[in-house]
Amino acid sequence: MKRFFDKLFIEPTNNTLLQLFRYGFVGGAAFCVDYGTLFILTEFLNVPYLLSAAIAFLLGLITNYLLSISWVFKKRGTMQRWQEFLFFTIIGIVGLVFNELIMYVGTDICYLHYMSSKLISTVVVFFWNFFARKYLLFNK
């Protein structure tokens, strides 16, 4: 049982399913930062929801990067950290474009509550971020 636990949570791995499992936790933590910041900025500080979403998304991106490199994608390529973070951020910016577009369409065109639009966006961006980072950035 300990071996299974270690393989699932501790040992470095290139196994896509194990990484996706771990990325679920990382994504969950980043989502809490993102979603919580969006709510606080919009509801309590009266920041427009699209600006709040961008700020919140960037804070979630930083959370995601730090947790991803320390737990999900321990086996990494040889590029320098600043290059790695730059590519991680570029992938995240594409995700941010998806996020903003889905939130705009969901909220302003489909008349969903902005928090509901965010939930839809989160699912799409989660899979984009994982697979883009796995195969474009952390693939040896």
Protein backbone atom coordinates (compact mmCIF):
# COMPACT_ATOMS: atom_id res chain seq x y z
CA MET A 1 0.00 0.00 0.00
CA LYS A 2 2.83 2.38 0.84
CA ARG A 3 4.40 1.69 -2.55
CA PHE A 4 1.12 2.54 -4.28
CA PHE A 5 0.78 5.76 -2.25
CA ASP A 6 4.39 6.73 -3.02
CA LYS A 7 3.89 6.08 -6.73
CA LEU A 8 0.64 8.05 -6.78
CA PHE A 9 1.77 11.06 -4.75
CA ILE A 10 5.53 11.21 -4.24
CA GLU A 11 7.75 9.59 -6.87
CA PRO A 12 8.61 11.57 -10.00
CA THR A 13 6.74 10.20 -13.00
CA ASN A 14 6.25 10.69 -16.71
CA ASN A 15 3.07 8.59 -16.67
CA THR A 16 0.38 10.81 -18.20
CA LEU A 17 -2.46 9.41 -16.08
CA LEU A 18 -0.54 9.89 -12.84
CA GLN A 19 0.45 13.40 -13.90
CA LEU A 20 -3.15 14.20 -14.83
CA PHE A 21 -4.27 12.90 -11.42
CA ARG A 22 -1.74 15.13 -9.66
CA TYR A 23 -2.55 18.02 -11.95
CA GLY A 24 -6.14 17.70 -10.77
CA PHE A 25 -4.99 18.64 -7.27
CA VAL A 26 -2.75 21.40 -8.60
CA GLY A 27 -5.56 22.68 -10.78
CA GLY A 28 -7.91 22.54 -7.78
CA ALA A 29 -5.57 24.68 -5.70
CA ALA A 30 -5.02 27.13 -8.56
CA PHE A 31 -8.79 27.19 -9.15
CA CYS A 32 -9.41 28.13 -5.51
CA VAL A 33 -6.96 31.02 -5.83
CA ASP A 34 -8.45 32.04 -9.19
CA TYR A 35 -12.14 31.66 -8.31
CA GLY A 36 -11.75 33.19 -4.84
CA THR A 37 -9.85 36.19 -6.19
CA LEU A 38 -12.43 36.69 -8.95
CA PHE A 39 -15.25 36.69 -6.40
CA ILE A 40 -13.49 39.02 -3.94
CA LEU A 41 -12.37 41.52 -6.58
CA THR A 42 -15.77 41.61 -8.29
CA GLU A 43 -18.14 41.40 -5.34
CA PHE A 44 -16.26 43.30 -2.63
CA LEU A 45 -13.92 45.63 -4.52
CA ASN A 46 -16.28 46.33 -7.47
CA VAL A 47 -13.65 45.55 -10.09
CA PRO A 48 -15.30 44.80 -13.50
CA TYR A 49 -15.64 41.03 -13.89
CA LEU A 50 -13.40 40.69 -16.99
CA LEU A 51 -10.57 42.61 -15.30
CA SER A 52 -11.12 40.60 -12.10
CA ALA A 53 -11.01 37.41 -14.16
CA ALA A 54 -7.69 38.37 -15.75
CA ILE A 55 -6.06 39.27 -12.41
CA ALA A 56 -7.44 36.15 -10.75
CA PHE A 57 -6.32 33.97 -13.65
CA LEU A 58 -2.75 35.29 -13.40
CA LEU A 59 -2.62 34.57 -9.66
CA GLY A 60 -3.91 31.08 -10.39
CA LEU A 61 -1.23 30.71 -13.09
CA ILE A 62 1.56 31.47 -10.61
CA THR A 63 0.08 29.02 -8.11
CA ASN A 64 -0.18 26.40 -10.86
CA TYR A 65 3.42 26.88 -11.99
CA LEU A 66 4.91 26.58 -8.52
CA LEU A 67 2.93 23.44 -7.70
CA SER A 68 3.42 21.91 -11.14
CA ILE A 69 7.20 22.10 -11.13
CA SER A 70 7.48 20.90 -7.56
CA TRP A 71 5.04 17.98 -7.78
CA VAL A 72 3.54 17.12 -11.18
CA PHE A 73 6.32 17.63 -13.72
CA LYS A 74 9.41 16.90 -11.61
CA LYS A 75 11.14 15.33 -14.59
CA ARG A 76 11.77 18.34 -16.77
CA GLY A 77 13.83 19.34 -19.75
CA THR A 78 17.13 21.17 -19.70
CA MET A 79 15.95 24.71 -20.42
CA GLN A 80 16.68 27.44 -17.93
CA ARG A 81 14.04 28.32 -15.33
CA TRP A 82 13.27 31.72 -16.87
CA GLN A 83 12.68 30.09 -20.27
CA GLU A 84 10.54 27.42 -18.69
CA PHE A 85 8.43 30.01 -16.89
CA LEU A 86 8.17 32.07 -20.09
CA PHE A 87 6.77 29.10 -22.04
CA PHE A 88 4.56 28.13 -19.09
CA THR A 89 3.23 31.69 -19.11
CA ILE A 90 2.66 31.72 -22.89
CA ILE A 91 0.59 28.54 -22.56
CA GLY A 92 -1.21 30.22 -19.67
CA ILE A 93 -1.88 33.34 -21.74
CA VAL A 94 -3.51 31.20 -24.41
CA GLY A 95 -5.56 29.72 -21.58
CA LEU A 96 -6.36 33.26 -20.42
CA VAL A 97 -7.67 34.09 -23.91
CA PHE A 98 -9.88 30.99 -23.75
CA ASN A 99 -10.95 32.02 -20.24
CA GLU A 100 -11.89 35.57 -21.23
CA LEU A 101 -13.67 34.47 -24.40
CA ILE A 102 -15.70 31.79 -22.64
CA MET A 103 -16.55 34.16 -19.79
CA TYR A 104 -17.63 36.89 -22.21
CA VAL A 105 -19.75 34.55 -24.34
CA GLY A 106 -21.24 32.83 -21.30
CA THR A 107 -22.00 36.02 -19.39
CA ASP A 108 -22.73 38.70 -21.99
CA ILE A 109 -24.20 36.59 -24.80
CA CYS A 110 -25.75 33.58 -23.03
CA TYR A 111 -26.71 35.57 -19.88
CA LEU A 112 -25.17 33.13 -17.42
CA HIS A 113 -23.97 34.43 -14.08
CA TYR A 114 -20.27 35.26 -14.36
CA MET A 115 -19.39 32.60 -11.77
CA SER A 116 -21.18 29.95 -13.87
CA SER A 117 -19.27 31.10 -16.95
CA LYS A 118 -16.08 30.72 -14.92
CA LEU A 119 -16.90 27.11 -14.10
CA ILE A 120 -17.31 26.27 -17.80
CA SER A 121 -14.11 28.11 -18.62
CA THR A 122 -12.23 26.27 -15.89
CA VAL A 123 -12.94 22.84 -17.40
CA VAL A 124 -11.81 23.87 -20.89
CA VAL A 125 -8.70 25.71 -19.69
CA PHE A 126 -7.75 22.88 -17.30
CA PHE A 127 -7.38 20.39 -20.15
CA TRP A 128 -5.71 22.92 -22.46
CA ASN A 129 -3.13 23.80 -19.79
CA PHE A 130 -2.35 20.21 -18.80
CA PHE A 131 -1.88 18.77 -22.26
CA ALA A 132 -0.09 21.83 -23.66
CA ARG A 133 2.32 21.89 -20.73
CA LYS A 134 2.82 18.13 -20.73
CA TYR A 135 3.55 17.82 -24.45
CA LEU A 136 4.96 21.23 -25.37
CA LEU A 137 6.94 22.14 -22.28
CA PHE A 138 7.70 19.24 -19.94
CA ASN A 139 8.17 16.58 -22.59
CA LYS A 140 11.81 15.57 -22.87
